[in-house]
Amino acid sequence: MWRVFMLVNRLTFLVVGLIALTAVFGVLNVQAQTVDGLYTTENSGAQVRVERCGDEGAFCGWLVRRGDQLLNALTAVGSSEWEGSIRDPRTGRRYRARIALLPSGDLRVTGCLAIFCRAQVWTRTTELGDVPTLDAKRVERDG
């Protein structure tokens, strides 16, 4: 009977240890995923580089081909969400923005004017592609 009790204790200890290790590595994996990176926008296919800006640890995002800043002063509001502002490169207007890092590594970007919001998913990419600029898309569409 004593041997069965010891075996159950050892197995319990082993299972609890494995669960703890899994939880630790899961947390490390989530922390390793950061919003810094290069993303391709959903509608225009333009690329945006997101990186830290300023001294407070905020994030900003710039159009790769034009250098225009789109995302401004995004500060953390959760473990994988940030709030700040976004500028429409075509009109120059600024809107409230909220971005969320998805488990896939992609970015859900939401811009709001009052209570009206619009969201899209930007796909994380690792290299600069041969993507058209927003101006080129406008010429193709209008021309």
Protein backbone atom coordinates (compact mmCIF):
# COMPACT_ATOMS: atom_id res chain seq x y z
CA MET A 1 0.00 0.00 0.00
CA TRP A 2 2.83 2.36 0.89
CA ARG A 3 4.43 1.79 -2.52
CA VAL A 4 1.20 2.66 -4.33
CA PHE A 5 0.91 5.83 -2.25
CA MET A 6 4.52 6.85 -3.09
CA LEU A 7 3.98 6.09 -6.78
CA VAL A 8 0.83 8.24 -6.87
CA ASN A 9 2.68 11.08 -5.12
CA ARG A 10 5.55 10.90 -7.60
CA LEU A 11 3.19 10.86 -10.56
CA THR A 12 1.24 13.77 -9.13
CA PHE A 13 4.46 15.71 -8.62
CA LEU A 14 5.56 14.91 -12.17
CA VAL A 15 2.22 16.00 -13.68
CA VAL A 16 2.15 19.24 -11.66
CA GLY A 17 5.76 19.93 -12.70
CA LEU A 18 4.96 19.40 -16.38
CA ILE A 19 1.92 21.68 -16.13
CA ALA A 20 4.04 24.38 -14.47
CA LEU A 21 6.74 24.11 -17.15
CA THR A 22 4.13 24.32 -19.89
CA ALA A 23 2.65 27.44 -18.29
CA VAL A 24 6.08 29.08 -17.94
CA PHE A 25 7.04 28.39 -21.54
CA GLY A 26 3.62 29.59 -22.70
CA VAL A 27 4.12 32.90 -20.87
CA LEU A 28 7.61 33.25 -22.30
CA ASN A 29 6.28 32.64 -25.80
CA VAL A 30 3.58 35.32 -25.41
CA GLN A 31 6.12 37.80 -24.06
CA ALA A 32 8.51 37.00 -26.92
CA GLN A 33 5.86 38.03 -29.44
CA THR A 34 6.01 41.77 -29.79
CA VAL A 35 4.19 44.31 -31.92
CA ASP A 36 7.50 45.53 -33.41
CA GLY A 37 7.71 44.49 -37.03
CA LEU A 38 6.72 44.88 -40.63
CA TYR A 39 3.09 44.51 -41.69
CA THR A 40 1.21 44.50 -45.00
CA THR A 41 -2.10 46.38 -44.85
CA GLU A 42 -5.33 44.62 -45.73
CA ASN A 43 -6.79 46.92 -48.39
CA SER A 44 -3.96 48.69 -50.18
CA GLY A 45 -1.17 46.17 -49.69
CA ALA A 46 1.13 48.94 -48.45
CA GLN A 47 3.73 48.02 -45.86
CA VAL A 48 3.95 49.61 -42.43
CA ARG A 49 6.89 49.33 -40.03
CA VAL A 50 5.87 49.40 -36.35
CA GLU A 51 8.53 50.15 -33.74
CA ARG A 52 9.11 51.93 -30.45
CA CYS A 53 9.14 55.71 -30.51
CA GLY A 54 9.69 58.31 -27.82
CA ASP A 55 10.91 57.78 -24.29
CA GLU A 56 7.72 56.36 -22.77
CA GLY A 57 7.89 53.06 -24.65
CA ALA A 58 5.06 53.93 -27.02
CA PHE A 59 4.86 52.45 -30.52
CA CYS A 60 4.55 54.27 -33.84
CA GLY A 61 4.08 53.03 -37.41
CA TRP A 62 5.38 54.42 -40.69
CA LEU A 63 4.59 53.68 -44.33
CA VAL A 64 7.72 51.99 -45.63
CA ARG A 65 7.81 53.47 -49.13
CA ARG A 66 6.83 57.04 -48.23
CA GLY A 67 8.03 57.42 -44.66
CA ASP A 68 4.69 58.93 -43.58
CA GLN A 69 3.75 58.26 -39.98
CA LEU A 70 0.40 56.48 -39.67
CA LEU A 71 0.33 55.19 -36.08
CA ASN A 72 1.19 57.62 -33.31
CA ALA A 73 1.87 57.25 -29.56
CA LEU A 74 0.36 53.80 -29.10
CA THR A 75 0.58 52.92 -25.41
CA ALA A 76 -0.20 49.56 -23.81
CA VAL A 77 -3.69 49.03 -22.43
CA GLY A 78 -3.33 45.28 -22.00
CA SER A 79 -0.85 42.49 -22.57
CA SER A 80 -1.29 42.62 -26.35
CA GLU A 81 -3.30 45.80 -27.01
CA TRP A 82 -2.29 49.43 -27.50
CA GLU A 83 -4.21 52.69 -27.96
CA GLY A 84 -3.17 55.92 -29.65
CA SER A 85 -4.04 57.56 -32.94
CA ILE A 86 -3.96 56.70 -36.62
CA ARG A 87 -3.73 59.11 -39.55
CA ASP A 88 -5.43 58.49 -42.87
CA PRO A 89 -2.62 59.12 -45.41
CA ARG A 90 -5.09 60.17 -48.10
CA THR A 91 -6.95 62.84 -46.10
CA GLY A 92 -4.51 63.64 -43.30
CA ARG A 93 -7.27 63.19 -40.69
CA ARG A 94 -6.47 61.59 -37.34
CA TYR A 95 -8.63 59.03 -35.60
CA ARG A 96 -8.55 57.17 -32.29
CA ALA A 97 -6.78 53.87 -32.80
CA ARG A 98 -6.55 50.57 -31.03
CA ILE A 99 -4.27 47.80 -32.19
CA ALA A 100 -4.21 44.22 -30.98
CA LEU A 101 -1.52 41.63 -31.57
CA LEU A 102 -3.26 38.42 -32.64
CA PRO A 103 -1.93 34.95 -31.73
CA SER A 104 -0.90 34.53 -35.38
CA GLY A 105 1.41 37.54 -35.05
CA ASP A 106 -0.82 39.65 -37.30
CA LEU A 107 -2.16 42.99 -36.15
CA ARG A 108 -5.83 43.98 -35.85
CA VAL A 109 -5.96 47.75 -36.41
CA THR A 110 -9.13 49.64 -35.48
CA GLY A 111 -9.71 53.32 -36.18
CA CYS A 112 -12.65 55.17 -34.63
CA LEU A 113 -14.43 58.48 -35.15
CA ALA A 114 -16.81 58.99 -32.23
CA ILE A 115 -18.70 55.69 -31.97
CA PHE A 116 -18.07 54.59 -35.56
CA CYS A 117 -15.13 52.20 -35.91
CA ARG A 118 -13.54 50.33 -38.75
CA ALA A 119 -11.04 47.50 -38.39
CA GLN A 120 -8.72 45.54 -40.62
CA VAL A 121 -6.04 42.93 -40.11
CA TRP A 122 -2.48 43.73 -41.12
CA THR A 123 -0.42 40.66 -41.97
CA ARG A 124 3.02 40.34 -40.38
CA THR A 125 5.75 39.89 -42.94
CA THR A 126 9.49 39.43 -42.62
CA GLU A 127 10.74 41.14 -45.75
CA LEU A 128 10.05 44.19 -47.83
CA GLY A 129 7.95 43.23 -50.79
CA ASP A 130 7.44 44.89 -54.10
CA VAL A 131 4.22 46.53 -52.97
CA PRO A 132 2.66 49.57 -54.57
CA THR A 133 2.51 52.81 -52.64
CA LEU A 134 -0.85 54.27 -51.75
CA ASP A 135 -0.37 56.89 -54.49
CA ALA A 136 0.20 54.16 -57.10
CA LYS A 137 -2.98 52.40 -56.01
CA ARG A 138 -4.91 55.67 -56.31
CA VAL A 139 -3.55 56.27 -59.84
CA GLU A 140 -4.45 52.73 -60.90
CA ARG A 141 -7.96 53.09 -59.47
CA ASP A 142 -8.61 56.64 -60.71
CA GLY A 143 -6.71 56.42 -63.99
